């Protein structure tokens, strides 16, 4: 007893208090976590399919506005206490080891946090040539929450398999929606492939006998190079042939999955479908420093390029084959391509969503970067065998003249247009023109932004500054009898698509000018507000026009005035 008294005497009390304080500090967090536990509701929307050819897109949250991810997750705190130090991680057994997606210091009561997973797949994923079923494991842990673990399965396609759309069937509104993944075709354009480089060198040396298309920047040299690619396919006895396109159910989407040969496989196999030949042309022209494009039309695709504001095309499938109707010479293929281009321009100006342009360099700027492929001695030997047929004279320099396609009114994946405005307009300095369902000029520094799941179906395209805080949006609304009906239909779609964000749109008619009915309005939601003006005119079978808008605090008054002054 005396010993106990001495142990807790006033003299010894301070050290004991310090020890007790240390124990409380050490255990206070676990204790408080149990006393004040938070509860999270987790909802995961996984990608039903991953395409290895686009593995660089999946790893980049900036690519194509972050549209392509492994999964999107929402975390909602349904408790009365903050969730502390929440960590989201995932793994794909055999492919990606455990990786932290995001660390969230605090999720307040009632708050919802959205997490997108952009996985860094290993480069060797492009060596997969067949589909497989994989599983992703997702874990959510935190200081005062119970660890949550979820798994979901997805299809990992072979590198040659291309899925044309992930948009759910009941949300598809136009033909373009069925081909929503078209920008990802740029991932199959492989100018840095060692085999493509080797083929291009052989062609430049043995068929073109030297070329300066990208050096002198003359249209004639660009045409000579494109004809050189055609001649290479012709002399190597390449033939037109198809690959499988299979209807497939992908998540909620009914789409087409097609096996697409890579450009190296088209060369060494001496055969290709229209889209495969177009990818080959684009790869070779990119390697030579040109600006290739691919024209995508219902049931067909053909290649070309643009230079000095002019667009050119060639019918690559004119190589045909003896068994399917013979073969055409280069000039005939060129004439056929330019005839196709005239139809293409006409349909795009009418706002036909089935006519799309893939501007390869613009797609790459938006993040659709090609897969990396390894060198292969066997394939080099195959190229040598192909190049043995590159006999005969060089491509002539007297290129046949064809009325130039000019501006395409390019509306898909960054087809910016150059050239003058419409009749009676003056294009301001530092602006370039758009020619489509309507015509106008917009700042050269602005770029085309891709569509997404929230884009109104009536929208044809949108151009804006780098962070899209200021934009001009092009609309085409067929089947309506007035500008007011067109505006009402667009507003209804915007409200429906943005319901999750509390989107509301208010507007009023504010006059008319030059055959256009003018509106002014505000679109708002939990993301802020956008003020805008719009102008619409009759197209004969509906109404088309533009809206020019900017986020709150962004002043584009003079820009809007310039755009409206050039609108036709």
Protein backbone atom coordinates (compact mmCIF):
# COMPACT_ATOMS: atom_id res chain seq x y z
CA UNK A 1 0.00 0.00 0.00
CA UNK A 2 2.78 2.41 0.89
CA UNK A 3 4.48 1.47 -2.38
CA UNK A 4 1.24 2.37 -4.29
CA UNK A 5 1.01 5.70 -2.63
CA UNK A 6 4.56 6.52 -3.53
CA UNK A 7 3.99 5.43 -7.12
CA UNK A 8 1.12 7.91 -7.59
CA UNK A 9 2.41 10.66 -5.34
CA UNK A 10 2.22 14.27 -6.57
CA UNK A 11 5.91 14.09 -7.33
CA UNK A 12 5.42 11.20 -9.77
CA UNK A 13 2.06 12.33 -11.21
CA UNK A 14 3.41 14.48 -14.10
CA UNK A 15 5.34 11.63 -15.84
CA UNK A 16 2.26 9.41 -15.60
CA UNK A 17 0.07 12.12 -17.14
CA UNK A 18 2.52 12.47 -20.03
CA UNK A 19 2.46 8.72 -20.65
CA UNK A 20 -1.35 8.72 -20.54
CA UNK A 21 -1.49 11.63 -23.02
CA UNK A 22 0.79 9.75 -25.44
CA UNK A 23 -1.42 6.67 -25.28
CA UNK A 24 -4.51 8.77 -26.00
CA UNK A 25 -2.87 10.45 -28.99
CA UNK A 26 -1.73 7.10 -30.39
CA UNK A 27 -5.18 5.55 -30.20
CA UNK A 28 -7.42 8.58 -30.62
CA UNK A 29 -7.77 8.29 -34.42
CA UNK A 30 -8.82 4.64 -34.48
CA UNK A 31 -11.08 5.27 -31.53
CA UNK A 32 -12.65 8.34 -33.09
CA UNK A 33 -12.98 6.47 -36.35
CA UNK A 34 -15.10 3.89 -34.58
CA UNK A 35 -17.04 6.54 -32.69
CA UNK A 36 -17.67 8.68 -35.84
CA UNK A 37 -17.77 6.23 -38.76
CA UNK A 38 -18.70 7.53 -42.21
CA UNK A 39 -20.61 5.52 -44.77
CA UNK A 40 -19.99 5.81 -48.51
CA UNK A 41 -22.28 4.74 -51.33
CA UNK A 42 -20.20 3.59 -54.29
CA UNK A 43 -21.45 3.43 -57.87
CA UNK A 44 -19.15 2.23 -60.65
CA UNK A 45 -19.75 2.60 -64.38
CA UNK A 46 -17.14 0.43 -66.10
CA UNK A 47 -15.99 0.49 -69.70
CA UNK A 48 -17.42 -2.65 -71.29
CA UNK A 49 -14.56 -2.85 -73.78
CA UNK A 50 -10.90 -1.82 -73.92
CA UNK A 51 -9.17 -1.51 -77.30
CA UNK A 52 -5.39 -2.11 -77.04
CA UNK A 53 -4.72 0.08 -80.09
CA UNK A 54 -5.88 3.08 -78.01
CA UNK A 55 -3.85 2.26 -74.88
CA UNK A 56 -2.22 5.71 -74.91
CA UNK A 57 -5.64 7.37 -74.98
CA UNK A 58 -6.83 5.47 -71.90
CA UNK A 59 -3.77 6.64 -69.95
CA UNK A 60 -4.32 10.35 -70.68
CA UNK A 61 -7.17 12.12 -68.89
CA UNK A 62 -6.76 15.07 -71.28
CA UNK A 63 -7.16 12.93 -74.43
CA UNK A 64 -10.45 13.54 -76.26
CA UNK A 65 -11.70 15.42 -73.18
CA UNK A 66 -11.24 12.42 -70.89
CA UNK A 67 -13.93 10.45 -72.68
CA UNK A 68 -12.14 7.09 -72.51
CA UNK A 69 -11.43 5.56 -69.10
CA UNK A 70 -11.48 2.13 -67.46
CA UNK A 71 -14.24 3.12 -65.06
CA UNK A 72 -16.05 6.12 -63.67
CA UNK A 73 -16.99 6.02 -59.99
CA UNK A 74 -19.16 8.20 -57.78
CA UNK A 75 -18.62 8.25 -54.01
CA UNK A 76 -21.51 9.68 -51.96
CA UNK A 77 -21.20 10.26 -48.23
CA UNK A 78 -24.59 9.28 -46.79
CA UNK A 79 -23.56 9.68 -43.15
CA UNK A 80 -23.41 12.60 -40.75
CA UNK A 81 -19.62 12.51 -40.49
CA UNK A 82 -16.87 13.43 -42.98
CA UNK A 83 -15.08 10.50 -44.60
CA UNK A 84 -11.39 11.04 -43.93
CA UNK A 85 -8.39 10.19 -46.16
CA UNK A 86 -10.28 8.13 -48.73
CA UNK A 87 -8.11 6.16 -51.18
CA UNK A 88 -9.37 4.60 -54.44
CA UNK A 89 -7.17 1.90 -55.98
CA UNK A 90 -7.52 -0.87 -58.56
CA UNK A 91 -5.72 -3.75 -60.22
CA UNK A 92 -6.17 -6.00 -63.26
CA UNK A 93 -4.59 -9.38 -62.45
CA UNK A 94 -1.77 -10.26 -64.82
CA UNK A 95 -1.85 -6.84 -66.51
CA UNK A 96 -1.74 -3.97 -64.01
CA UNK A 97 -0.62 -4.33 -60.40
CA UNK A 98 -2.33 -2.41 -57.62
CA UNK A 99 -2.44 1.29 -58.51
CA UNK A 100 -3.82 4.25 -56.58
CA UNK A 101 -6.34 6.16 -58.71
CA UNK A 102 -7.02 9.05 -56.35
CA UNK A 103 -6.55 10.19 -52.76
CA UNK A 104 -9.37 12.29 -51.32
CA UNK A 105 -8.56 14.06 -48.03
CA UNK A 106 -12.20 14.53 -47.02
CA UNK A 107 -15.70 13.80 -48.32
CA UNK A 108 -18.24 15.88 -46.43
CA UNK A 109 -21.68 14.61 -45.39
CA UNK A 110 -24.00 14.64 -48.40
CA UNK A 111 -21.13 15.32 -50.81
CA UNK A 112 -20.59 13.27 -53.99
CA UNK A 113 -17.12 12.93 -55.48
CA UNK A 114 -16.57 11.58 -59.00
CA UNK A 115 -13.41 9.59 -59.77
CA UNK A 116 -12.27 8.58 -63.25
CA UNK A 117 -9.68 5.83 -63.71
CA UNK A 118 -7.21 6.36 -66.57
CA UNK A 119 -5.08 3.20 -66.58
CA UNK A 120 -1.51 3.02 -67.86
CA UNK A 121 -1.56 -0.26 -69.74
CA UNK A 122 1.85 -1.78 -70.54
CA UNK A 123 3.09 -1.20 -74.09
CA UNK A 124 3.08 -4.92 -74.82
CA UNK A 125 -0.72 -4.88 -74.68
CA UNK A 126 -0.58 -4.23 -78.46
CA UNK A 127 0.90 -7.69 -78.93
CA UNK A 128 -2.46 -9.22 -77.99
CA UNK A 129 -4.12 -10.44 -81.17
CA UNK A 130 -7.22 -12.09 -79.69
CA UNK A 131 -9.96 -10.98 -77.32
CA UNK A 132 -9.99 -12.01 -73.68
CA UNK A 133 -12.24 -11.57 -70.67
CA UNK A 134 -10.52 -9.67 -67.86
CA UNK A 135 -11.51 -8.52 -64.39
CA UNK A 136 -10.75 -5.27 -62.62
CA UNK A 137 -10.74 -5.12 -58.82
CA UNK A 138 -11.55 -1.76 -57.23
CA UNK A 139 -10.96 -0.93 -53.57
CA UNK A 140 -12.10 2.10 -51.57
CA UNK A 141 -10.50 2.51 -48.16
CA UNK A 142 -10.22 5.31 -45.63
CA UNK A 143 -9.51 6.33 -42.06
CA UNK A 144 -13.05 6.04 -40.74
CA UNK A 145 -14.87 3.98 -43.37
CA UNK A 146 -15.27 0.28 -43.87
CA UNK A 147 -13.16 -0.89 -46.82
CA UNK A 148 -15.31 -1.44 -49.92
CA UNK A 149 -14.22 -3.88 -52.62
CA UNK A 150 -15.90 -4.29 -56.01
CA UNK A 151 -15.01 -6.18 -59.18
CA UNK A 152 -16.26 -5.97 -62.73
CA UNK A 153 -15.50 -7.81 -65.93
CA UNK A 154 -14.67 -6.29 -69.29
CA UNK A 155 -13.61 -7.43 -72.74
CA UNK A 156 -10.01 -6.73 -73.74
CA UNK A 157 -10.03 -6.78 -77.52
CA UNK A 158 -7.21 -7.83 -79.82
CA UNK A 159 -5.13 -4.99 -81.24
CA UNK A 160 -6.83 -5.25 -84.65
CA UNK A 161 -10.39 -5.14 -83.34
CA UNK A 162 -12.11 -1.77 -83.59
CA UNK A 163 -15.43 -1.03 -81.88
CA UNK A 164 -17.20 1.82 -83.67
CA UNK A 165 -19.35 3.17 -80.82
CA UNK A 166 -20.02 2.81 -77.10
CA UNK A 167 -23.16 5.00 -77.12
CA UNK A 168 -26.19 3.06 -75.76
CA UNK A 169 -28.64 2.13 -78.49
CA UNK A 170 -31.53 4.10 -76.96
CA UNK A 171 -29.40 7.26 -76.92
CA UNK A 172 -28.33 7.18 -80.56
CA UNK A 173 -29.90 10.01 -82.53
CA UNK A 174 -27.92 10.26 -85.80
CA UNK A 175 -25.76 8.13 -88.07
CA UNK A 176 -22.70 9.79 -86.54
CA UNK A 177 -23.55 8.30 -83.13
CA UNK A 178 -23.06 4.81 -84.56
CA UNK A 179 -19.48 5.82 -85.37
CA UNK A 180 -18.73 7.81 -82.23
CA UNK A 181 -15.27 6.24 -81.80
CA UNK A 182 -14.03 7.41 -85.22
CA UNK A 183 -11.32 9.71 -83.74
CA UNK A 184 -9.69 6.56 -82.31
CA UNK A 185 -8.92 5.43 -85.86
CA UNK A 186 -5.93 7.77 -85.59
CA UNK A 187 -4.46 5.26 -83.12
CA UNK A 188 -4.20 2.81 -86.04
CA UNK A 189 -2.26 5.30 -88.16
CA UNK A 190 1.37 4.39 -87.49
CA UNK A 191 3.87 6.73 -89.20
CA UNK A 192 6.59 5.88 -86.63
CA UNK A 193 6.30 2.14 -87.22
CA UNK A 194 9.77 1.03 -88.41
CA UNK A 195 8.11 -1.03 -91.15
CA UNK A 196 6.15 1.99 -92.43
CA UNK A 197 9.32 4.08 -92.39
CA UNK A 198 11.16 1.43 -94.40
CA UNK A 199 8.31 1.11 -96.92
CA UNK A 200 8.12 4.91 -97.32
CA UNK A 201 11.87 5.10 -98.01
CA UNK A 202 11.60 2.36 -100.66
CA UNK A 203 8.71 4.15 -102.33
CA UNK A 204 10.42 7.55 -102.28
CA UNK A 205 13.58 6.09 -103.77
CA UNK A 206 12.21 3.66 -106.37
CA UNK A 207 8.89 5.17 -107.46
CA UNK A 208 9.06 8.90 -106.76
CA UNK A 209 12.83 9.11 -107.40
CA UNK A 210 12.93 11.77 -104.69
CA UNK A 211 10.15 14.01 -103.34
CA UNK A 212 9.74 17.37 -101.61
CA UNK A 213 6.04 17.50 -100.73
CA UNK A 214 6.55 18.53 -97.11
CA UNK A 215 9.54 20.77 -97.91
CA UNK A 216 8.25 23.04 -100.68
CA UNK A 217 4.60 22.89 -99.51
CA UNK A 218 3.29 22.91 -103.08
CA UNK A 219 0.00 21.24 -103.90
CA UNK A 220 1.49 19.65 -107.03
CA UNK A 221 4.17 17.88 -104.98
CA UNK A 222 1.57 16.70 -102.50
CA UNK A 223 -0.47 15.25 -105.36
CA UNK A 224 2.60 13.55 -106.82
CA UNK A 225 3.33 11.93 -103.46
CA UNK A 226 -0.27 10.69 -103.06
CA UNK A 227 -0.15 9.24 -106.57
CA UNK A 228 3.16 7.64 -105.62
CA UNK A 229 1.47 5.75 -102.78
CA UNK A 230 -1.24 4.58 -105.19
CA UNK A 231 1.39 3.48 -107.70
CA UNK A 232 3.21 1.52 -104.98
CA UNK A 233 0.03 -0.39 -104.16
CA UNK A 234 -0.67 -0.92 -107.85
CA UNK A 235 2.81 -2.15 -108.81
CA UNK A 236 3.00 -4.50 -105.83
CA UNK A 237 -0.20 -6.20 -107.08
CA UNK A 238 -2.08 -5.28 -103.94
CA UNK A 239 -5.78 -6.14 -104.10
CA UNK A 240 -8.92 -4.84 -102.49
CA UNK A 241 -10.43 -7.28 -100.00
CA UNK A 242 -12.65 -7.15 -96.94
CA UNK A 243 -12.34 -8.12 -93.29
CA UNK A 244 -15.08 -9.08 -90.91
CA UNK A 245 -17.48 -6.54 -89.43
CA UNK A 246 -19.57 -8.22 -86.75
CA UNK A 247 -22.64 -6.77 -84.97
CA UNK A 248 -21.98 -7.00 -81.25
CA UNK A 249 -23.67 -6.07 -78.00
CA UNK A 250 -21.19 -3.95 -75.99
CA UNK A 251 -22.70 -2.98 -72.65
CA UNK A 252 -25.87 -1.08 -73.55
CA UNK A 253 -24.67 -0.39 -77.09
CA UNK A 254 -25.38 -2.42 -80.20
CA UNK A 255 -22.43 -1.69 -82.44
CA UNK A 256 -20.11 -3.04 -85.11
CA UNK A 257 -16.75 -4.57 -84.23
CA UNK A 258 -14.41 -4.86 -87.18
CA UNK A 259 -11.05 -6.55 -87.51
CA UNK A 260 -8.82 -3.92 -89.13
CA UNK A 261 -5.41 -4.81 -90.52
CA UNK A 262 -2.61 -2.49 -89.44
CA UNK A 263 -0.82 -0.54 -92.21
CA UNK A 264 2.24 -2.85 -91.90
CA UNK A 265 -0.07 -5.84 -92.41
CA UNK A 266 -1.69 -4.26 -95.48
CA UNK A 267 1.75 -3.78 -97.06
CA UNK A 268 3.16 -7.20 -96.31
CA UNK A 269 -0.12 -9.03 -96.99
CA UNK A 270 -0.68 -7.01 -100.20
CA UNK A 271 -4.39 -6.65 -99.51
CA UNK A 272 -6.71 -4.20 -97.79
CA UNK A 273 -10.25 -2.97 -97.24
CA UNK A 274 -11.12 0.70 -97.96
CA UNK A 275 -10.53 1.83 -94.37
CA UNK A 276 -7.29 -0.20 -94.16
CA UNK A 277 -5.95 1.33 -97.39
CA UNK A 278 -6.91 4.77 -96.05
CA UNK A 279 -4.97 4.12 -92.82
CA UNK A 280 -1.97 3.04 -94.91
CA UNK A 281 -2.05 6.24 -97.00
CA UNK A 282 -2.39 8.37 -93.86
CA UNK A 283 0.56 6.59 -92.20
CA UNK A 284 2.86 7.03 -95.21
CA UNK A 285 1.85 10.66 -95.79
CA UNK A 286 2.33 11.44 -92.10
CA UNK A 287 5.78 9.87 -92.24
CA UNK A 288 6.58 12.19 -95.16
CA UNK A 289 5.47 15.25 -93.18
CA UNK A 290 2.14 15.85 -94.94
CA UNK A 291 -1.33 16.52 -93.49
CA UNK A 292 -3.43 13.44 -94.30
CA UNK A 293 -7.18 13.14 -93.95
CA UNK A 294 -9.63 10.26 -94.25
CA UNK A 295 -13.07 10.85 -95.73
CA UNK A 296 -15.67 8.65 -94.02
CA UNK A 297 -18.98 8.20 -95.80
CA UNK A 298 -21.80 5.66 -95.42
CA UNK A 299 -20.31 2.28 -96.26
CA UNK A 300 -16.97 3.58 -97.52
CA UNK A 301 -13.75 5.44 -96.70
CA UNK A 302 -11.05 6.96 -98.90
CA UNK A 303 -7.84 8.91 -98.21
CA UNK A 304 -6.52 12.34 -99.10
CA UNK A 305 -4.66 15.32 -97.69
CA UNK A 306 -4.96 19.06 -97.27
CA UNK A 307 -2.37 21.66 -98.17
CA UNK A 308 -2.56 25.45 -98.38
CA UNK A 309 -6.23 25.34 -97.45
CA UNK A 310 -7.11 22.91 -100.26
CA UNK A 311 -8.35 19.33 -99.94
CA UNK A 312 -7.53 16.42 -102.23
CA UNK A 313 -8.68 12.80 -102.44
CA UNK A 314 -7.95 9.54 -104.26
CA UNK A 315 -10.02 6.39 -104.66
CA UNK A 316 -7.53 3.95 -103.09
CA UNK A 317 -9.72 0.91 -103.81
CA UNK A 318 -9.36 1.47 -107.57
CA UNK A 319 -6.47 -1.01 -107.39
CA UNK A 320 -9.34 -3.54 -107.38
CA UNK A 321 -8.02 -6.86 -108.60
CA UNK A 322 -8.35 -9.00 -111.71
CA UNK A 323 -11.01 -11.11 -110.05
CA UNK A 324 -13.23 -8.15 -109.10
CA UNK A 325 -13.38 -6.04 -112.23
CA UNK A 326 -9.84 -4.96 -113.03
CA UNK A 327 -7.58 -2.12 -111.95
CA UNK A 328 -7.44 1.63 -112.63
CA UNK A 329 -4.41 3.80 -113.25
CA UNK A 330 -3.35 6.57 -110.91
CA UNK A 331 -5.00 9.39 -112.86
CA UNK A 332 -8.31 7.55 -112.98
CA UNK A 333 -8.15 6.87 -109.23
CA UNK A 334 -7.40 10.55 -108.62
CA UNK A 335 -10.30 11.70 -110.83
CA UNK A 336 -12.65 9.30 -109.00
CA UNK A 337 -11.42 10.54 -105.61
CA UNK A 338 -11.98 14.18 -106.51
CA UNK A 339 -15.46 13.38 -107.81
CA UNK A 340 -16.19 11.67 -104.48
CA UNK A 341 -14.87 14.73 -102.69
CA UNK A 342 -17.35 17.03 -104.45
CA UNK A 343 -20.21 14.86 -103.19
CA UNK A 344 -18.62 14.78 -99.73
CA UNK A 345 -18.49 18.58 -99.55
CA UNK A 346 -22.07 18.93 -100.72
CA UNK A 347 -23.38 16.46 -98.12
CA UNK A 348 -21.40 18.02 -95.27
CA UNK A 349 -22.76 21.44 -96.15
CA UNK A 350 -26.24 19.95 -95.93
CA UNK A 351 -25.37 18.72 -92.45
CA UNK A 352 -25.51 15.00 -93.28
CA UNK A 353 -24.08 13.33 -90.12
CA UNK A 354 -23.04 10.26 -92.13
CA UNK A 355 -20.25 12.24 -93.79
CA UNK A 356 -17.29 12.68 -91.47
CA UNK A 357 -13.72 13.90 -91.89
CA UNK A 358 -10.81 12.54 -89.85
CA UNK A 359 -8.06 15.16 -89.87
CA UNK A 360 -5.20 13.03 -88.59
CA UNK A 361 -2.96 15.73 -87.13
CA UNK A 362 -5.89 17.37 -85.36
CA UNK A 363 -6.94 14.02 -83.90
CA UNK A 364 -3.42 13.52 -82.61
CA UNK A 365 -3.47 16.99 -81.02
CA UNK A 366 -6.63 15.94 -79.19
CA UNK A 367 -4.81 12.90 -77.81
CA UNK A 368 -5.58 10.07 -80.28
CA UNK A 369 -1.95 8.94 -80.39
CA UNK A 370 -0.86 5.87 -82.31
CA UNK A 371 0.26 2.63 -80.72
CA UNK A 372 3.97 1.82 -80.74
CA UNK A 373 5.10 -1.18 -82.77
CA UNK A 374 8.42 -3.03 -82.67
CA UNK A 375 10.76 -3.50 -85.60
CA UNK A 376 10.57 -6.90 -87.28
CA UNK A 377 13.26 -8.34 -89.59
CA UNK A 378 10.83 -10.78 -91.17
CA UNK A 379 8.47 -7.94 -92.11
CA UNK A 380 11.38 -5.91 -93.49
CA UNK A 381 12.17 -8.83 -95.77
CA UNK A 382 8.52 -8.81 -96.85
CA UNK A 383 8.84 -5.10 -97.71
CA UNK A 384 11.95 -5.94 -99.77
CA UNK A 385 9.90 -8.48 -101.69
CA UNK A 386 7.15 -5.91 -102.27
CA UNK A 387 9.69 -3.27 -103.38
CA UNK A 388 11.06 -5.62 -106.07
CA UNK A 389 7.90 -4.81 -107.99
CA UNK A 390 8.58 -1.07 -107.83
CA UNK A 391 10.00 -1.15 -111.34
CA UNK A 392 9.27 1.28 -114.12
CA UNK A 393 9.55 5.04 -114.44
CA UNK A 394 9.05 7.65 -111.78
CA UNK A 395 5.71 9.36 -111.16
CA UNK A 396 5.37 12.24 -113.60
CA UNK A 397 5.56 15.80 -112.36
CA UNK A 398 2.84 17.00 -114.77
CA UNK A 399 -0.05 16.24 -112.44
CA UNK A 400 -3.50 16.33 -114.10
CA UNK A 401 -5.58 19.27 -112.93
CA UNK A 402 -8.95 18.72 -111.31
CA UNK A 403 -11.22 21.37 -109.86
CA UNK A 404 -10.08 21.63 -106.27
CA UNK A 405 -12.42 20.49 -103.53
CA UNK A 406 -11.47 23.57 -101.53
CA UNK A 407 -12.86 23.89 -98.03
CA UNK A 408 -14.70 20.83 -96.82
CA UNK A 409 -16.57 22.44 -93.96
CA UNK A 410 -14.83 19.78 -91.91
CA UNK A 411 -16.92 18.95 -88.88
CA UNK A 412 -15.25 15.97 -87.27
CA UNK A 413 -12.03 15.72 -85.30
CA UNK A 414 -10.62 19.11 -86.06
CA UNK A 415 -11.10 19.85 -89.73
CA UNK A 416 -10.38 23.58 -89.52
CA UNK A 417 -11.01 25.42 -92.79
CA UNK A 418 -9.06 28.13 -94.51
CA UNK A 419 -9.90 30.49 -97.32
CA UNK A 420 -12.19 33.45 -97.75
CA UNK A 421 -15.63 33.92 -96.29
CA UNK A 422 -18.85 33.86 -98.22
CA UNK A 423 -19.77 36.39 -100.89
CA UNK A 424 -19.91 39.92 -99.57
CA UNK A 425 -18.04 39.19 -96.32
CA UNK A 426 -14.61 40.22 -95.14
CA UNK A 427 -12.76 37.78 -92.93
CA UNK A 428 -11.09 39.62 -90.03
CA UNK A 429 -7.34 39.24 -89.61
CA UNK A 430 -6.49 36.22 -87.48
CA UNK A 431 -9.70 34.39 -88.39
CA UNK A 432 -10.48 31.37 -90.56
CA UNK A 433 -13.72 30.31 -92.14
CA UNK A 434 -16.16 27.48 -91.58
CA UNK A 435 -18.40 26.41 -94.46
CA UNK A 436 -21.15 23.98 -93.57
CA UNK A 437 -24.88 24.31 -92.92
CA UNK A 438 -24.01 27.97 -92.31
CA UNK A 439 -20.80 29.91 -93.00
CA UNK A 440 -18.85 32.20 -90.67
CA UNK A 441 -15.34 33.10 -89.54
CA UNK A 442 -13.87 32.30 -86.12
CA UNK A 443 -10.47 32.93 -84.44
CA UNK A 444 -7.60 30.85 -85.84
CA UNK A 445 -6.45 30.11 -82.29
CA UNK A 446 -9.70 28.29 -81.59
CA UNK A 447 -9.84 24.55 -82.24
CA UNK A 448 -12.56 22.03 -82.80
CA UNK A 449 -13.70 20.24 -79.65
CA UNK A 450 -15.00 16.65 -79.83
CA UNK A 451 -18.56 15.73 -79.01
CA UNK A 452 -19.41 13.83 -75.84
CA UNK A 453 -22.32 12.08 -74.19
CA UNK A 454 -23.88 15.43 -73.19
CA UNK A 455 -23.70 17.01 -76.66
CA UNK A 456 -27.16 17.84 -78.04
CA UNK A 457 -27.96 15.61 -81.02
CA UNK A 458 -28.76 18.73 -83.09
CA UNK A 459 -25.19 20.02 -82.73
CA UNK A 460 -23.05 19.57 -85.84
CA UNK A 461 -19.74 20.78 -84.41
CA UNK A 462 -18.20 23.20 -81.91
CA UNK A 463 -15.11 25.42 -82.02
CA UNK A 464 -13.64 27.16 -78.99
CA UNK A 465 -10.60 28.39 -77.15
CA UNK A 466 -8.20 25.88 -75.58
CA UNK A 467 -10.20 25.38 -72.38
CA UNK A 468 -13.62 25.76 -74.05
CA UNK A 469 -14.61 28.71 -71.89
CA UNK A 470 -15.64 30.49 -75.10
CA UNK A 471 -17.23 28.61 -78.02
CA UNK A 472 -19.23 28.85 -81.21
CA UNK A 473 -21.60 25.92 -81.71
CA UNK A 474 -23.14 24.92 -85.04
CA UNK A 475 -26.66 23.43 -85.09
CA UNK A 476 -28.84 21.82 -87.74
CA UNK A 477 -32.48 21.05 -86.86
CA UNK A 478 -34.33 19.37 -89.75
CA UNK A 479 -38.11 19.13 -89.92
CA UNK A 480 -39.01 22.30 -87.96
CA UNK A 481 -40.99 25.19 -89.38
CA UNK A 482 -39.47 28.14 -87.54
CA UNK A 483 -36.36 29.33 -85.73
CA UNK A 484 -38.38 29.36 -82.50
CA UNK A 485 -39.21 25.67 -82.91
CA UNK A 486 -35.55 24.88 -83.62
CA UNK A 487 -34.45 26.76 -80.51
CA UNK A 488 -37.11 25.06 -78.39
CA UNK A 489 -36.00 21.60 -79.56
CA UNK A 490 -32.33 22.35 -78.82
CA UNK A 491 -33.18 23.74 -75.37
CA UNK A 492 -35.23 20.65 -74.49
CA UNK A 493 -32.34 18.35 -75.47
CA UNK A 494 -29.85 20.40 -73.44
CA UNK A 495 -32.08 20.19 -70.36
CA UNK A 496 -32.49 16.42 -70.75
CA UNK A 497 -28.80 15.71 -71.36
CA UNK A 498 -27.69 17.91 -68.48
CA UNK A 499 -30.28 16.78 -65.92
CA UNK A 500 -27.57 15.24 -63.70
CA UNK A 501 -25.91 18.66 -63.45
CA UNK A 502 -29.08 20.65 -62.78
CA UNK A 503 -28.85 22.23 -66.22
CA UNK A 504 -31.41 24.91 -67.08
CA UNK A 505 -31.66 27.11 -70.16
CA UNK A 506 -33.54 30.39 -70.49
CA UNK A 507 -33.70 32.50 -73.64
CA UNK A 508 -35.72 35.02 -75.59
CA UNK A 509 -36.01 36.13 -79.19
CA UNK A 510 -34.21 39.45 -79.57
CA UNK A 511 -34.69 40.43 -83.21
CA UNK A 512 -33.64 39.44 -86.73
CA UNK A 513 -30.81 40.31 -89.11
CA UNK A 514 -29.83 39.22 -92.63
CA UNK A 515 -32.42 36.45 -92.77
CA UNK A 516 -31.41 35.11 -89.34
CA UNK A 517 -33.64 35.09 -86.25
CA UNK A 518 -31.57 36.19 -83.24
CA UNK A 519 -31.85 34.88 -79.68
CA UNK A 520 -30.08 35.65 -76.41
CA UNK A 521 -29.99 33.46 -73.35
CA UNK A 522 -28.24 31.83 -70.40
CA UNK A 523 -27.48 28.17 -69.71
CA UNK A 524 -26.76 27.36 -66.07
CA UNK A 525 -26.15 24.43 -63.76
CA UNK A 526 -24.03 23.35 -60.82
CA UNK A 527 -20.98 24.01 -63.04
CA UNK A 528 -21.76 27.74 -63.36
CA UNK A 529 -23.46 29.74 -66.09
CA UNK A 530 -22.86 30.53 -69.76
CA UNK A 531 -24.26 33.58 -71.50
CA UNK A 532 -24.87 33.25 -75.23
CA UNK A 533 -26.39 34.69 -78.39
CA UNK A 534 -27.77 32.61 -81.25
CA UNK A 535 -28.81 33.14 -84.88
CA UNK A 536 -30.84 30.70 -87.02
CA UNK A 537 -32.10 30.69 -90.62
CA UNK A 538 -34.22 28.42 -92.81
CA UNK A 539 -32.47 25.67 -94.79
CA UNK A 540 -35.55 24.68 -96.79
CA UNK A 541 -36.13 21.50 -94.79
CA UNK A 542 -35.54 22.91 -91.32
CA UNK A 543 -33.43 25.53 -89.56
CA UNK A 544 -29.67 25.86 -88.96
CA UNK A 545 -27.53 28.35 -87.11
CA UNK A 546 -25.01 29.02 -84.38
CA UNK A 547 -24.78 29.99 -80.75
CA UNK A 548 -21.81 31.95 -79.41
CA UNK A 549 -21.24 31.64 -75.66
CA UNK A 550 -18.77 32.21 -72.87
CA UNK A 551 -18.48 31.30 -69.22
CA UNK A 552 -19.32 33.88 -66.63
CA UNK A 553 -16.44 36.39 -66.39
CA UNK A 554 -15.08 35.68 -69.89
CA UNK A 555 -15.47 38.66 -72.24
CA UNK A 556 -15.78 37.77 -75.94
CA UNK A 557 -17.96 40.69 -77.06
CA UNK A 558 -15.70 41.71 -79.97
CA UNK A 559 -15.18 38.08 -81.02
CA UNK A 560 -18.92 37.43 -81.03
CA UNK A 561 -19.47 40.56 -83.11
CA UNK A 562 -16.87 39.41 -85.68
CA UNK A 563 -18.44 35.95 -85.92
CA UNK A 564 -21.96 37.34 -86.36
CA UNK A 565 -20.78 39.90 -88.95
CA UNK A 566 -19.43 37.07 -91.14
CA UNK A 567 -22.39 34.72 -90.62
CA UNK A 568 -24.21 33.62 -93.78
